[in-house]
């Protein structure tokens, strides 16, 4: 009986299930979008039941497409939107509040107070993170402070906290297992990336009981067995990693210095830094890339809050396009932006600025500006943000990036990838399988289940689809970068300059 790996890729706007075979090919996939909830300006939520029901439906669809069942699945890998925070009842599994999404800014003022009170250095040294509403810690505190009775129930040991991976595992096991992996734990802002433990000093600072925390496991290893009616048989859940760490592994960036950028809802650039964390001096994040057995690998990360979602905004907010796929043709219909710059700070600016109060802008508009110029400027804004992170990363590591591996939905946009290569003045490498987030989770699960022998066997599967070579016109690039940084300076709020 032929065996497969089932990868669950639970993203910010949709849930996917992908079935991979032994040579890393996609045999079947399914994807469903689920509702986004915006209760107030700057607030972003999901209904946890929507997350699970959409994931359950794509699991059933993906395996039915090729006529397989639980007997054919060697293991399940899970990768997920990180930092998104869910709190649920330990006995019933019922959420006490909607999931607060990583994009949510409701705790920004509390983060300001933490910085003013002098906690920034201590938190960065322990967690590798910069104080920001982006991470889970302040979201959990908000739920305990604002949901009636939640804090009392938490102190009595009746509530559980989890990122989306923990929630999916709870659902897949009928609330029997409460675990996470080191990569997701490292994004909470109360996990010590040196000791690999929940930090009691930080939990006390945020007022969060240790009893709420999931057990932390390696990224590759048997975490649980399914107990859901979706499968007639138990299947090991054997690989878990946050989406960006999974993409780094799926791109086979397993050597120190290797770099990838994922162009999803946001954009996330990670560099493998080996067995020791580098605490950034340039406002980047130090995070855990993965743990296989006892070996922990670390990474530097730069986070862009608005990447591919700017295309969704062009579609749903501006009605410039009817579908996201149309944006490349529209942008390519003009030779350049004609001086238009789009700073897509629709939910603040991430690395290396970390300005949670910045808001987006479109500048350089004239009577001749068209929707095509704005569409092109929106795509270029994604590439410019990536440039800023790369330069910060090179300063932290003291080396120049050899090339950039890319993945995610927007990496299929040739115009964007060519502009990215031009701006960075380096080769951009796009693999044949761009679903590297799901593939990374599959690889981690397959290693644990013995489906693949080791990373050397997996590395042989990685193949290039296309190389993008940079333009020779460096003077033009310098001029464009000056224009970009001028546009950014106009949206940065005064207290962050």
Protein backbone atom coordinates (compact mmCIF):
# COMPACT_ATOMS: atom_id res chain seq x y z
CA UNK A 1 0.00 0.00 0.00
CA UNK A 2 1.46 3.34 -1.05
CA UNK A 3 1.98 5.77 1.81
CA UNK A 4 1.71 9.57 1.83
CA UNK A 5 2.28 12.49 4.17
CA UNK A 6 -0.69 14.75 4.87
CA UNK A 7 0.27 18.35 5.53
CA UNK A 8 -2.17 20.78 7.14
CA UNK A 9 -1.38 24.42 6.32
CA UNK A 10 -3.59 26.65 8.42
CA UNK A 11 -3.10 30.24 7.21
CA UNK A 12 -4.45 33.66 8.06
CA UNK A 13 -7.13 33.74 5.38
CA UNK A 14 -7.54 30.09 4.37
CA UNK A 15 -6.99 26.50 5.43
CA UNK A 16 -5.30 23.97 3.19
CA UNK A 17 -4.55 20.29 3.16
CA UNK A 18 -1.89 18.91 0.82
CA UNK A 19 -0.95 15.27 0.23
CA UNK A 20 2.71 14.68 -0.64
CA UNK A 21 4.34 11.53 -1.96
CA UNK A 22 7.81 10.20 -1.24
CA UNK A 23 9.56 12.42 -3.78
CA UNK A 24 7.87 15.58 -2.52
CA UNK A 25 5.29 15.90 -5.26
CA UNK A 26 1.81 17.26 -4.56
CA UNK A 27 -0.66 14.45 -5.19
CA UNK A 28 -3.78 16.25 -4.01
CA UNK A 29 -4.75 19.48 -2.32
CA UNK A 30 -7.77 21.44 -1.15
CA UNK A 31 -8.16 24.99 0.10
CA UNK A 32 -11.04 26.87 1.71
CA UNK A 33 -11.15 30.49 2.80
CA UNK A 34 -12.79 31.35 6.12
CA UNK A 35 -14.23 34.61 7.46
CA UNK A 36 -12.11 37.46 8.79
CA UNK A 37 -13.58 39.41 11.72
CA UNK A 38 -12.78 43.10 12.27
CA UNK A 39 -14.68 44.24 15.41
CA UNK A 40 -12.88 47.60 15.64
CA UNK A 41 -10.18 49.52 13.80
CA UNK A 42 -6.91 47.63 14.27
CA UNK A 43 -8.63 44.53 15.69
CA UNK A 44 -8.47 41.25 13.75
CA UNK A 45 -10.14 38.03 14.91
CA UNK A 46 -11.09 34.55 13.72
CA UNK A 47 -13.73 32.22 15.04
CA UNK A 48 -11.74 29.15 16.24
CA UNK A 49 -14.58 26.90 15.09
CA UNK A 50 -14.18 28.34 11.56
CA UNK A 51 -10.47 27.49 11.67
CA UNK A 52 -11.20 23.87 12.62
CA UNK A 53 -14.23 23.33 10.37
CA UNK A 54 -12.39 24.71 7.33
CA UNK A 55 -9.37 22.53 8.07
CA UNK A 56 -11.52 19.45 8.63
CA UNK A 57 -13.31 20.01 5.31
CA UNK A 58 -10.08 20.37 3.30
CA UNK A 59 -8.65 17.24 4.91
CA UNK A 60 -11.67 15.24 3.78
CA UNK A 61 -11.60 16.82 0.31
CA UNK A 62 -7.88 16.30 -0.28
CA UNK A 63 -7.81 12.63 0.65
CA UNK A 64 -11.05 11.83 -1.18
CA UNK A 65 -9.73 13.35 -4.42
CA UNK A 66 -7.19 10.54 -4.75
CA UNK A 67 -9.23 7.86 -3.03
CA UNK A 68 -7.06 7.27 0.01
CA UNK A 69 -7.86 6.84 3.70
CA UNK A 70 -6.04 6.77 7.02
CA UNK A 71 -4.26 3.54 6.13
CA UNK A 72 -2.40 5.39 3.38
CA UNK A 73 -1.20 8.27 5.55
CA UNK A 74 2.16 7.66 7.22
CA UNK A 75 2.01 10.85 9.28
CA UNK A 76 0.47 14.30 9.56
CA UNK A 77 2.45 17.53 9.57
CA UNK A 78 0.99 20.83 10.76
CA UNK A 79 2.08 24.34 9.92
CA UNK A 80 0.17 27.41 10.98
CA UNK A 81 -0.22 31.16 11.21
CA UNK A 82 1.91 32.05 14.19
CA UNK A 83 1.23 34.26 17.23
CA UNK A 84 -2.54 34.00 16.72
CA UNK A 85 -3.92 33.32 20.19
CA UNK A 86 -6.73 31.00 21.30
CA UNK A 87 -7.89 30.30 24.86
CA UNK A 88 -10.30 27.43 25.49
CA UNK A 89 -11.90 25.46 28.29
CA UNK A 90 -9.70 22.58 29.45
CA UNK A 91 -12.68 20.25 29.94
CA UNK A 92 -15.05 21.08 27.09
CA UNK A 93 -12.62 22.41 24.47
CA UNK A 94 -14.90 25.41 23.93
CA UNK A 95 -13.10 28.70 23.17
CA UNK A 96 -13.77 31.51 25.64
CA UNK A 97 -13.22 34.19 22.97
CA UNK A 98 -12.43 34.51 19.29
CA UNK A 99 -8.86 33.86 18.16
CA UNK A 100 -6.92 37.13 18.29
CA UNK A 101 -4.93 37.20 15.06
CA UNK A 102 -1.24 38.07 14.78
CA UNK A 103 -2.17 41.25 12.87
CA UNK A 104 -4.27 42.57 15.75
CA UNK A 105 -3.11 45.86 17.35
CA UNK A 106 -5.43 46.18 20.39
CA UNK A 107 -2.60 45.78 22.91
CA UNK A 108 -0.33 48.44 21.37
CA UNK A 109 -0.68 50.86 24.28
CA UNK A 110 0.15 48.15 26.80
CA UNK A 111 3.28 47.34 24.77
CA UNK A 112 4.23 51.02 24.95
CA UNK A 113 3.98 50.86 28.74
CA UNK A 114 6.20 47.78 28.91
CA UNK A 115 8.88 49.60 26.94
CA UNK A 116 8.55 52.71 29.09
CA UNK A 117 8.92 50.58 32.22
CA UNK A 118 12.22 49.19 30.92
CA UNK A 119 11.33 45.61 30.02
CA UNK A 120 12.49 45.69 26.38
CA UNK A 121 16.06 44.44 26.90
CA UNK A 122 15.08 41.69 29.34
CA UNK A 123 12.37 40.40 27.02
CA UNK A 124 14.63 40.46 23.97
CA UNK A 125 17.47 38.67 25.78
CA UNK A 126 15.16 35.88 26.97
CA UNK A 127 12.86 35.50 23.96
CA UNK A 128 14.74 37.03 21.02
CA UNK A 129 11.68 39.19 20.36
CA UNK A 130 10.95 42.90 20.34
CA UNK A 131 8.01 44.07 22.46
CA UNK A 132 5.04 44.32 20.10
CA UNK A 133 1.32 43.59 19.98
CA UNK A 134 2.18 41.10 17.21
CA UNK A 135 3.12 38.36 19.68
CA UNK A 136 0.88 36.12 21.79
CA UNK A 137 1.68 37.23 25.34
CA UNK A 138 -0.26 40.50 25.39
CA UNK A 139 -3.16 38.87 23.54
CA UNK A 140 -3.52 36.21 26.26
CA UNK A 141 -3.39 38.90 28.94
CA UNK A 142 -6.11 40.87 27.11
CA UNK A 143 -8.41 37.84 27.03
CA UNK A 144 -7.92 37.13 30.74
CA UNK A 145 -8.48 40.81 31.58
CA UNK A 146 -11.52 41.37 29.37
CA UNK A 147 -13.53 38.14 29.14
CA UNK A 148 -15.80 37.89 32.22
CA UNK A 149 -14.60 35.16 34.56
CA UNK A 150 -11.63 34.18 32.39
CA UNK A 151 -8.88 35.13 34.82
CA UNK A 152 -10.53 33.25 37.71
CA UNK A 153 -10.98 30.16 35.54
CA UNK A 154 -7.36 30.40 34.39
CA UNK A 155 -6.07 30.63 37.94
CA UNK A 156 -8.14 27.54 38.81
CA UNK A 157 -6.41 25.63 35.99
CA UNK A 158 -9.56 25.43 33.87
CA UNK A 159 -8.30 27.23 30.75
CA UNK A 160 -5.77 26.37 28.10
CA UNK A 161 -3.78 28.68 25.86
CA UNK A 162 -2.52 27.70 22.47
CA UNK A 163 -1.38 29.01 19.14
CA UNK A 164 -3.20 27.59 16.11
CA UNK A 165 -1.11 24.41 16.02
CA UNK A 166 -2.17 23.58 19.59
CA UNK A 167 -5.80 24.28 18.74
CA UNK A 168 -5.72 21.98 15.69
CA UNK A 169 -4.04 19.19 17.66
CA UNK A 170 -6.66 19.59 20.38
CA UNK A 171 -9.41 19.29 17.77
CA UNK A 172 -7.74 16.33 16.05
CA UNK A 173 -7.46 14.51 19.40
CA UNK A 174 -10.85 15.50 20.84
CA UNK A 175 -9.27 17.83 23.39
CA UNK A 176 -7.09 15.06 24.82
CA UNK A 177 -3.67 16.51 23.98
CA UNK A 178 -2.33 19.97 24.78
CA UNK A 179 1.04 20.47 23.09
CA UNK A 180 2.98 22.84 20.87
CA UNK A 181 6.42 22.80 19.27
CA UNK A 182 9.44 24.98 20.00
CA UNK A 183 8.97 27.19 16.93
CA UNK A 184 5.46 28.27 17.87
CA UNK A 185 6.43 28.59 21.53
CA UNK A 186 9.25 30.93 20.54
CA UNK A 187 6.70 33.37 19.08
CA UNK A 188 4.69 33.90 22.25
CA UNK A 189 6.99 36.38 24.06
CA UNK A 190 7.07 34.28 27.22
CA UNK A 191 9.20 31.34 26.05
CA UNK A 192 12.92 31.33 26.84
CA UNK A 193 14.72 30.34 23.64
CA UNK A 194 17.91 29.47 25.55
CA UNK A 195 16.46 27.15 28.20
CA UNK A 196 13.57 25.95 25.96
CA UNK A 197 11.09 26.49 28.79
CA UNK A 198 8.16 28.74 29.58
CA UNK A 199 9.78 31.61 31.44
CA UNK A 200 8.21 32.00 34.88
CA UNK A 201 9.39 35.60 35.24
CA UNK A 202 7.68 36.57 31.99
CA UNK A 203 4.51 34.63 32.80
CA UNK A 204 4.35 36.52 36.08
CA UNK A 205 4.92 39.84 34.29
CA UNK A 206 1.95 39.19 32.00
CA UNK A 207 -0.17 37.62 34.73
CA UNK A 208 -0.58 34.28 32.99
CA UNK A 209 -0.74 30.99 34.96
CA UNK A 210 1.77 28.31 33.95
CA UNK A 211 -1.09 25.77 34.00
CA UNK A 212 -2.46 27.33 30.77
CA UNK A 213 0.70 26.50 28.82
CA UNK A 214 0.94 23.55 26.42
CA UNK A 215 3.74 21.00 26.73
CA UNK A 216 6.57 21.98 24.36
CA UNK A 217 7.88 19.33 21.96
CA UNK A 218 10.51 19.17 19.19
CA UNK A 219 9.33 20.16 15.71
CA UNK A 220 9.95 16.65 14.38
CA UNK A 221 8.64 13.82 16.55
CA UNK A 222 5.41 12.00 17.43
CA UNK A 223 3.29 14.54 19.31
CA UNK A 224 -0.07 12.80 19.35
CA UNK A 225 -2.35 10.40 17.50
CA UNK A 226 -5.58 11.46 15.86
CA UNK A 227 -8.90 10.61 17.51
CA UNK A 228 -11.18 12.38 15.06
CA UNK A 229 -13.97 10.82 13.01
CA UNK A 230 -12.32 12.18 9.84
CA UNK A 231 -10.04 9.15 9.93
CA UNK A 232 -11.10 5.63 10.75
CA UNK A 233 -7.62 4.90 12.10
CA UNK A 234 -5.13 6.62 14.36
CA UNK A 235 -2.52 8.64 12.48
CA UNK A 236 0.59 10.08 14.13
CA UNK A 237 0.88 13.88 14.21
CA UNK A 238 4.64 13.88 13.79
CA UNK A 239 5.75 17.32 12.59
CA UNK A 240 4.76 20.82 13.69
CA UNK A 241 6.30 24.18 12.87
CA UNK A 242 5.13 27.75 12.53
CA UNK A 243 4.57 28.65 8.91
CA UNK A 244 7.77 30.59 8.35
CA UNK A 245 10.04 28.08 10.03
CA UNK A 246 8.33 25.33 8.04
CA UNK A 247 9.03 27.27 4.83
CA UNK A 248 12.70 27.65 5.81
CA UNK A 249 12.90 23.88 6.24
CA UNK A 250 10.88 23.21 3.10
CA UNK A 251 13.35 25.36 1.15
CA UNK A 252 16.12 23.18 2.60
CA UNK A 253 17.84 26.19 4.14
CA UNK A 254 19.53 23.79 6.54
CA UNK A 255 22.99 25.40 6.47
CA UNK A 256 23.88 28.56 8.43
CA UNK A 257 23.60 31.64 6.21
CA UNK A 258 20.85 30.27 3.96
CA UNK A 259 17.97 32.75 3.46
CA UNK A 260 14.37 32.50 2.27
CA UNK A 261 11.44 34.92 1.95
CA UNK A 262 7.83 33.80 2.00
CA UNK A 263 5.38 36.07 0.21
CA UNK A 264 2.07 35.35 1.88
CA UNK A 265 -0.45 37.56 3.66
CA UNK A 266 2.64 39.10 5.22
CA UNK A 267 6.23 38.54 4.14
CA UNK A 268 8.75 36.80 6.34
CA UNK A 269 12.44 36.64 5.66
CA UNK A 270 14.45 34.12 7.67
CA UNK A 271 18.16 33.32 7.81
CA UNK A 272 19.47 30.11 9.34
CA UNK A 273 21.99 31.12 12.04
CA UNK A 274 22.94 27.62 13.20
CA UNK A 275 23.05 26.28 16.75
CA UNK A 276 23.23 29.62 18.56
CA UNK A 277 20.77 32.52 18.56
CA UNK A 278 21.97 35.93 17.35
CA UNK A 279 20.33 38.72 19.34
CA UNK A 280 19.77 41.43 16.73
CA UNK A 281 21.12 44.97 17.04
CA UNK A 282 19.06 46.05 14.04
CA UNK A 283 15.52 45.41 15.27
CA UNK A 284 15.17 41.92 13.85
CA UNK A 285 13.87 38.88 15.72
CA UNK A 286 15.86 35.90 16.91
CA UNK A 287 13.72 32.80 16.80
CA UNK A 288 13.90 29.01 16.85
CA UNK A 289 13.99 27.60 13.33
CA UNK A 290 13.29 23.99 14.36
CA UNK A 291 14.29 21.23 16.73
CA UNK A 292 15.02 17.72 15.46
CA UNK A 293 15.87 15.34 18.27
CA UNK A 294 18.05 17.26 20.73
CA UNK A 295 19.47 19.60 18.07
CA UNK A 296 18.02 23.12 18.00
CA UNK A 297 18.56 25.40 15.00
CA UNK A 298 18.00 29.16 15.29
CA UNK A 299 17.16 31.88 12.78
CA UNK A 300 17.07 35.63 12.36
CA UNK A 301 13.74 36.91 11.09
CA UNK A 302 12.32 40.07 9.64
CA UNK A 303 8.53 40.34 9.55
CA UNK A 304 6.52 42.40 7.06
CA UNK A 305 2.95 42.77 8.25
CA UNK A 306 1.40 43.55 4.84
CA UNK A 307 2.70 41.57 1.87
CA UNK A 308 0.31 39.73 -0.41
CA UNK A 309 -2.62 41.15 1.54
CA UNK A 310 -2.01 44.48 -0.20
CA UNK A 311 -3.21 42.73 -3.37
CA UNK A 312 -6.34 41.64 -1.52
CA UNK A 313 -6.84 45.27 -0.54
CA UNK A 314 -6.51 46.35 -4.18
CA UNK A 315 -9.19 43.77 -4.99
CA UNK A 316 -11.61 44.21 -2.09
CA UNK A 317 -10.96 47.78 -0.95
CA UNK A 318 -10.06 49.66 -4.13
CA UNK A 319 -11.76 47.33 -6.64
CA UNK A 320 -8.82 47.78 -9.02
CA UNK A 321 -8.94 44.09 -9.92
CA UNK A 322 -11.53 41.34 -9.82
CA UNK A 323 -9.12 38.60 -8.70
CA UNK A 324 -5.65 38.57 -7.19
CA UNK A 325 -4.26 36.85 -10.26
CA UNK A 326 -4.99 39.95 -12.36
CA UNK A 327 -2.55 42.21 -10.54
CA UNK A 328 0.57 41.18 -12.47
CA UNK A 329 -0.95 41.94 -15.86
CA UNK A 330 -2.30 45.28 -14.62
CA UNK A 331 1.07 46.26 -13.10
CA UNK A 332 2.95 45.14 -16.21
CA UNK A 333 0.78 47.34 -18.44
CA UNK A 334 2.96 50.33 -17.44
CA UNK A 335 6.78 50.41 -17.66
CA UNK A 336 7.21 51.82 -14.14
CA UNK A 337 5.26 53.54 -11.35
CA UNK A 338 5.86 57.04 -12.78
CA UNK A 339 7.12 58.15 -9.37
CA UNK A 340 4.30 56.63 -7.31
CA UNK A 341 5.30 54.92 -4.04
CA UNK A 342 2.95 52.75 -2.00
CA UNK A 343 3.98 52.17 1.63
CA UNK A 344 1.59 49.35 2.66
CA UNK A 345 1.56 50.04 6.40
CA UNK A 346 -2.10 49.04 6.59
CA UNK A 347 -1.55 47.42 10.01
CA UNK A 348 1.61 49.26 11.02
CA UNK A 349 5.20 48.70 9.93
CA UNK A 350 7.11 45.60 10.97
CA UNK A 351 10.87 45.05 10.83
CA UNK A 352 13.12 46.92 10.90
CA UNK A 353 10.92 49.90 11.85
CA UNK A 354 8.46 48.33 14.33
CA UNK A 355 6.11 51.29 14.19
CA UNK A 356 2.71 49.97 15.23
CA UNK A 357 1.08 53.38 14.70
CA UNK A 358 2.28 53.94 11.13
CA UNK A 359 -0.42 53.81 8.46
CA UNK A 360 -0.21 53.25 4.73
CA UNK A 361 0.33 55.92 2.11
CA UNK A 362 0.35 56.34 -1.65
CA UNK A 363 2.56 59.26 -2.68
CA UNK A 364 3.71 60.83 -5.94
CA UNK A 365 0.24 60.81 -7.50
CA UNK A 366 -0.37 63.08 -10.51
CA UNK A 367 -3.12 63.58 -13.07
CA UNK A 368 -1.46 60.87 -15.11
CA UNK A 369 -1.59 58.26 -12.34
CA UNK A 370 -3.70 55.21 -13.13
CA UNK A 371 -4.73 52.09 -11.26
CA UNK A 372 -1.89 50.33 -13.11
CA UNK A 373 0.69 52.65 -11.54
CA UNK A 374 -0.82 52.07 -8.09
CA UNK A 375 -0.87 48.30 -8.63
CA UNK A 376 2.77 48.32 -9.70
CA UNK A 377 3.71 50.52 -6.73
CA UNK A 378 1.91 48.10 -4.39
CA UNK A 379 3.97 45.17 -5.69
CA UNK A 380 7.18 47.19 -5.51
CA UNK A 381 6.33 48.14 -1.92
CA UNK A 382 6.57 44.45 -1.00
CA UNK A 383 10.04 44.22 -2.55
CA UNK A 384 11.27 47.43 -0.92
CA UNK A 385 10.24 46.21 2.53
CA UNK A 386 12.18 43.00 1.87
CA UNK A 387 15.24 45.05 0.90
CA UNK A 388 15.16 46.92 4.22
CA UNK A 389 15.13 43.65 6.17
CA UNK A 390 17.92 42.08 4.12
CA UNK A 391 20.20 45.04 4.79
CA UNK A 392 19.46 44.89 8.53
CA UNK A 393 20.13 41.14 8.51
CA UNK A 394 23.45 41.58 6.72
CA UNK A 395 24.53 44.13 9.33
CA UNK A 396 23.63 41.75 12.16
CA UNK A 397 25.48 38.81 10.63
CA UNK A 398 28.37 40.70 9.03
CA UNK A 399 27.94 39.01 5.66
CA UNK A 400 26.24 39.55 2.32
CA UNK A 401 23.44 37.27 1.21
CA UNK A 402 24.50 34.95 -1.63
CA UNK A 403 20.98 34.49 -3.01
CA UNK A 404 17.35 34.59 -1.92
CA UNK A 405 15.07 31.56 -2.06
CA UNK A 406 11.42 32.54 -2.43
CA UNK A 407 8.05 30.89 -1.93
CA UNK A 408 4.44 31.69 -1.15
CA UNK A 409 1.61 32.76 -3.43
CA UNK A 410 3.12 36.07 -4.59
CA UNK A 411 6.42 34.39 -5.52
CA UNK A 412 4.64 33.21 -8.66
CA UNK A 413 4.42 36.86 -9.75
CA UNK A 414 7.32 37.20 -12.21
CA UNK A 415 7.21 40.99 -12.25
CA UNK A 416 7.56 41.14 -8.46
CA UNK A 417 10.35 38.56 -8.38
CA UNK A 418 12.34 40.36 -11.09
CA UNK A 419 11.98 43.68 -9.27
CA UNK A 420 13.04 41.96 -6.03
CA UNK A 421 16.20 40.71 -7.72
CA UNK A 422 16.91 44.17 -9.16
CA UNK A 423 16.51 45.95 -5.83
CA UNK A 424 18.59 43.42 -3.87
CA UNK A 425 21.22 43.06 -6.62
CA UNK A 426 21.23 39.31 -6.07
CA UNK A 427 19.82 36.16 -7.61
CA UNK A 428 16.29 35.20 -6.61
CA UNK A 429 15.62 31.44 -6.76
CA UNK A 430 12.09 30.10 -7.08
CA UNK A 431 11.65 26.35 -6.54
CA UNK A 432 9.46 24.09 -8.64
CA UNK A 433 7.32 23.38 -5.59
CA UNK A 434 6.39 26.78 -4.17
CA UNK A 435 4.17 25.28 -1.43
CA UNK A 436 7.25 25.04 0.74
CA UNK A 437 5.42 25.91 3.96
CA UNK A 438 3.28 22.78 3.72
CA UNK A 439 6.23 20.83 2.33
CA UNK A 440 8.40 21.77 5.32
CA UNK A 441 5.78 20.46 7.74
CA UNK A 442 5.53 17.28 5.66
CA UNK A 443 9.30 16.82 5.75
CA UNK A 444 9.43 17.27 9.54
CA UNK A 445 6.62 14.73 9.98
CA UNK A 446 8.12 12.30 7.49
CA UNK A 447 11.50 12.36 9.21
CA UNK A 448 9.89 11.48 12.54
CA UNK A 449 7.84 8.68 11.00
CA UNK A 450 10.79 7.20 9.10
CA UNK A 451 9.20 8.12 5.77
CA UNK A 452 12.42 9.90 4.83
CA UNK A 453 15.80 8.79 6.14
CA UNK A 454 17.46 12.18 6.73
CA UNK A 455 17.76 15.74 5.42
CA UNK A 456 20.31 14.64 2.82
CA UNK A 457 17.67 12.47 1.15
CA UNK A 458 15.19 15.34 1.26
CA UNK A 459 17.68 17.89 -0.05
CA UNK A 460 18.03 15.93 -3.27
CA UNK A 461 14.37 16.69 -4.05
CA UNK A 462 14.77 20.50 -4.06
CA UNK A 463 14.69 21.84 -7.64
CA UNK A 464 14.80 25.33 -9.14
CA UNK A 465 11.92 26.48 -11.31
CA UNK A 466 13.45 29.83 -12.30
CA UNK A 467 16.39 32.11 -11.52
CA UNK A 468 15.88 35.87 -11.60
CA UNK A 469 19.03 37.85 -12.31
CA UNK A 470 19.45 41.49 -11.19
CA UNK A 471 19.46 44.45 -13.56
CA UNK A 472 22.78 46.17 -14.33
CA UNK A 473 21.27 49.65 -13.99
CA UNK A 474 22.36 50.30 -10.41
CA UNK A 475 21.94 54.09 -10.64
CA UNK A 476 18.25 53.65 -11.39
CA UNK A 477 17.93 51.30 -8.43
CA UNK A 478 19.65 53.79 -6.10
CA UNK A 479 17.26 56.52 -7.21
CA UNK A 480 14.25 54.26 -6.64
CA UNK A 481 15.50 53.32 -3.16
CA UNK A 482 15.93 56.99 -2.24
CA UNK A 483 12.33 57.59 -3.27
CA UNK A 484 11.16 54.63 -1.21
CA UNK A 485 12.95 55.70 1.97
CA UNK A 486 11.61 59.22 1.55
CA UNK A 487 8.08 57.77 1.31
CA UNK A 488 8.64 55.63 4.43
CA UNK A 489 9.90 58.62 6.40
CA UNK A 490 6.54 60.31 5.83
CA UNK A 491 4.53 57.53 7.48
CA UNK A 492 6.81 56.88 10.46
CA UNK A 493 5.23 58.41 13.55
CA UNK A 494 7.25 61.03 15.42
CA UNK A 495 7.94 58.99 18.53
CA UNK A 496 9.68 56.23 16.54
CA UNK A 497 12.07 58.41 14.50
